[in-house]
Amino acid sequence: MKKMVTAGISVSAAIVLAAAALYYAAGQSHAPAQSLPSGFAFDGITYNFTMVAVTAEQQEQGLMNRTVTNSTFELFVFNTSADYPFWMKDTYYPLDIIWVNGNTVAYIYNAIPCSSYDSAQLNCTIYDPHVFADYVIEARSGFVNSTGMKVGDQIRMV
């Protein structure tokens, strides 16, 4: 009888631990269950993502304190289509920020770095499109103009 009770307790403990691990893992991920895109196609050209921000920590970091080139593209992946404002804290290069809902370009801002680089950066503009998006793409400023991309255009995640 003692072995059966011990085995029952061990199985119960394993179930509780497994449930806790699943609960913890679900709370850590901000990405949809599907595989993540490695790039996007627009107007017959495919662009590869150099970074994909899925977790809250990755999304907060973004392109802060990073070198941005003409081939830098960061994708922000969100679980839910919603309004996602961005700012340019500790970002040293102007960026094109592209909000994408489904496969449609929903909004575009040409965002400039914060004018003040004090520790609080209270003078940072908040770029809020007031539209829903599933994804946000950040690219070096000039990408949107060079491709002719505009709100309403279709892109395809690849």
Protein backbone atom coordinates (compact mmCIF):
# COMPACT_ATOMS: atom_id res chain seq x y z
CA MET A 1 0.00 0.00 0.00
CA LYS A 2 2.86 2.37 0.81
CA LYS A 3 4.35 1.93 -2.70
CA MET A 4 0.98 2.71 -4.28
CA VAL A 5 0.56 5.89 -2.24
CA THR A 6 4.11 7.01 -3.07
CA ALA A 7 3.55 6.29 -6.77
CA GLY A 8 0.25 8.18 -6.65
CA ILE A 9 1.92 11.16 -5.04
CA SER A 10 4.75 11.07 -7.60
CA VAL A 11 2.30 10.98 -10.51
CA SER A 12 0.26 13.82 -8.97
CA ALA A 13 3.41 15.89 -8.43
CA ALA A 14 4.49 15.26 -12.02
CA ILE A 15 1.10 16.40 -13.33
CA VAL A 16 1.20 19.56 -11.20
CA LEU A 17 4.77 20.34 -12.33
CA ALA A 18 3.89 19.75 -15.98
CA ALA A 19 0.83 22.01 -15.69
CA ALA A 20 2.92 24.71 -14.00
CA ALA A 21 5.58 24.46 -16.73
CA LEU A 22 2.95 24.80 -19.45
CA TYR A 23 1.37 27.75 -17.68
CA TYR A 24 4.76 29.44 -17.28
CA ALA A 25 5.74 28.78 -20.91
CA ALA A 26 2.41 30.12 -22.19
CA GLY A 27 2.94 33.33 -20.24
CA GLN A 28 6.43 33.80 -21.65
CA SER A 29 5.61 33.55 -25.33
CA HIS A 30 4.03 36.42 -27.23
CA ALA A 31 4.21 34.69 -30.57
CA PRO A 32 1.51 32.83 -32.40
CA ALA A 33 1.89 29.05 -32.45
CA GLN A 34 2.70 29.05 -36.18
CA SER A 35 6.27 29.22 -37.45
CA LEU A 36 7.82 32.66 -37.59
CA PRO A 37 8.40 34.41 -40.91
CA SER A 38 12.01 34.76 -42.03
CA GLY A 39 11.24 37.63 -44.39
CA PHE A 40 8.58 39.39 -46.41
CA ALA A 41 7.88 39.85 -50.10
CA PHE A 42 6.79 43.15 -51.59
CA ASP A 43 6.49 44.07 -55.24
CA GLY A 44 8.27 40.90 -56.38
CA ILE A 45 11.28 41.28 -54.05
CA THR A 46 11.92 39.28 -50.88
CA TYR A 47 13.57 40.97 -47.89
CA ASN A 48 15.05 38.87 -45.08
CA PHE A 49 14.53 39.76 -41.44
CA THR A 50 17.79 40.29 -39.58
CA MET A 51 15.93 40.14 -36.25
CA VAL A 52 12.56 38.83 -35.07
CA ALA A 53 11.17 40.18 -31.77
CA VAL A 54 8.72 37.76 -30.20
CA THR A 55 9.06 38.13 -26.43
CA ALA A 56 8.28 41.31 -24.52
CA GLU A 57 12.00 41.69 -23.74
CA GLN A 58 12.97 41.41 -27.43
CA GLN A 59 10.24 43.84 -28.42
CA GLU A 60 11.35 46.35 -25.79
CA GLN A 61 14.96 46.11 -27.04
CA GLY A 62 14.07 46.50 -30.73
CA LEU A 63 16.82 48.32 -32.59
CA MET A 64 18.01 50.23 -29.52
CA ASN A 65 21.78 50.73 -29.45
CA ARG A 66 22.26 48.82 -32.73
CA THR A 67 23.78 49.69 -36.05
CA VAL A 68 21.10 49.88 -38.74
CA THR A 69 21.99 49.41 -42.41
CA ASN A 70 19.92 49.36 -45.60
CA SER A 71 19.57 45.59 -45.17
CA THR A 72 18.38 45.72 -41.53
CA PHE A 73 14.79 44.59 -41.12
CA GLU A 74 13.29 43.73 -37.75
CA LEU A 75 9.94 42.01 -37.39
CA PHE A 76 7.81 42.42 -34.28
CA VAL A 77 5.32 39.57 -33.89
CA PHE A 78 2.17 40.05 -31.82
CA ASN A 79 -0.38 37.47 -30.62
CA THR A 80 -3.33 39.76 -31.10
CA SER A 81 -4.17 42.35 -33.71
CA ALA A 82 -4.15 45.64 -31.78
CA ASP A 83 -2.82 49.22 -31.78
CA TYR A 84 0.94 49.05 -30.99
CA PRO A 85 2.68 52.41 -30.43
CA PHE A 86 6.47 52.64 -30.83
CA TRP A 87 9.14 55.10 -29.77
CA MET A 88 12.77 55.63 -30.72
CA LYS A 89 14.52 55.45 -27.34
CA ASP A 90 18.27 54.85 -27.78
CA THR A 91 17.81 54.37 -31.53
CA TYR A 92 20.45 56.27 -33.45
CA TYR A 93 19.11 56.05 -37.00
CA PRO A 94 15.82 57.25 -38.49
CA LEU A 95 13.55 54.29 -39.23
CA ASP A 96 10.56 53.48 -41.38
CA ILE A 97 8.03 51.77 -39.10
CA ILE A 98 5.48 49.70 -41.02
CA TRP A 99 2.37 48.34 -39.28
CA VAL A 100 0.95 45.26 -41.04
CA ASN A 101 -2.53 43.82 -40.43
CA GLY A 102 -2.90 40.43 -42.10
CA ASN A 103 -1.06 41.01 -45.37
CA THR A 104 -1.99 44.67 -45.69
CA VAL A 105 0.22 47.66 -44.90
CA ALA A 106 -1.96 49.42 -42.33
CA TYR A 107 0.21 52.44 -41.48
CA ILE A 108 3.69 53.85 -42.06
CA TYR A 109 5.72 56.37 -40.05
CA ASN A 110 9.12 57.76 -40.86
CA ALA A 111 10.37 57.93 -37.27
CA ILE A 112 13.29 60.03 -36.13
CA PRO A 113 15.46 59.32 -33.09
CA CYS A 114 14.68 61.09 -29.83
CA SER A 115 15.90 64.67 -29.75
CA SER A 116 17.23 64.27 -26.21
CA TYR A 117 19.52 61.50 -25.04
CA ASP A 118 19.17 62.00 -21.31
CA SER A 119 18.59 58.87 -19.26
CA ALA A 120 14.82 59.34 -19.09
CA GLN A 121 14.38 60.39 -22.74
CA LEU A 122 11.14 62.09 -21.86
CA ASN A 123 11.23 64.01 -25.14
CA CYS A 124 10.75 60.89 -27.25
CA THR A 125 7.86 61.02 -29.70
CA ILE A 126 5.39 58.16 -29.42
CA TYR A 127 4.52 56.89 -32.90
CA ASP A 128 0.97 55.61 -32.55
CA PRO A 129 -0.76 54.66 -35.79
CA HIS A 130 -4.20 54.23 -34.18
CA VAL A 131 -4.71 51.17 -36.39
CA PHE A 132 -4.66 47.46 -35.60
CA ALA A 133 -1.68 45.35 -36.63
CA ASP A 134 -0.42 41.78 -36.23
CA TYR A 135 3.14 42.66 -37.20
CA VAL A 136 5.38 45.69 -37.22
CA ILE A 137 8.44 45.95 -39.45
CA GLU A 138 11.28 48.38 -38.78
CA ALA A 139 13.62 49.29 -41.63
CA ARG A 140 16.19 52.01 -42.18
CA SER A 141 14.61 55.29 -43.17
CA GLY A 142 14.23 55.56 -46.93
CA PHE A 143 13.13 51.97 -47.50
CA VAL A 144 9.46 52.92 -47.92
CA ASN A 145 10.25 55.72 -50.38
CA SER A 146 12.70 53.60 -52.39
CA THR A 147 10.15 50.79 -52.83
CA GLY A 148 7.09 53.00 -53.30
CA MET A 149 5.32 51.16 -50.45
CA LYS A 150 2.14 52.82 -49.23
CA VAL A 151 -0.77 52.15 -46.91
CA GLY A 152 -3.10 49.55 -48.42
CA ASP A 153 -0.34 47.70 -50.28
CA GLN A 154 -0.11 43.94 -49.92
CA ILE A 155 2.96 42.19 -48.53
CA ARG A 156 3.48 38.49 -47.94
CA MET A 157 5.33 37.02 -44.98
CA VAL A 158 7.70 34.22 -46.05
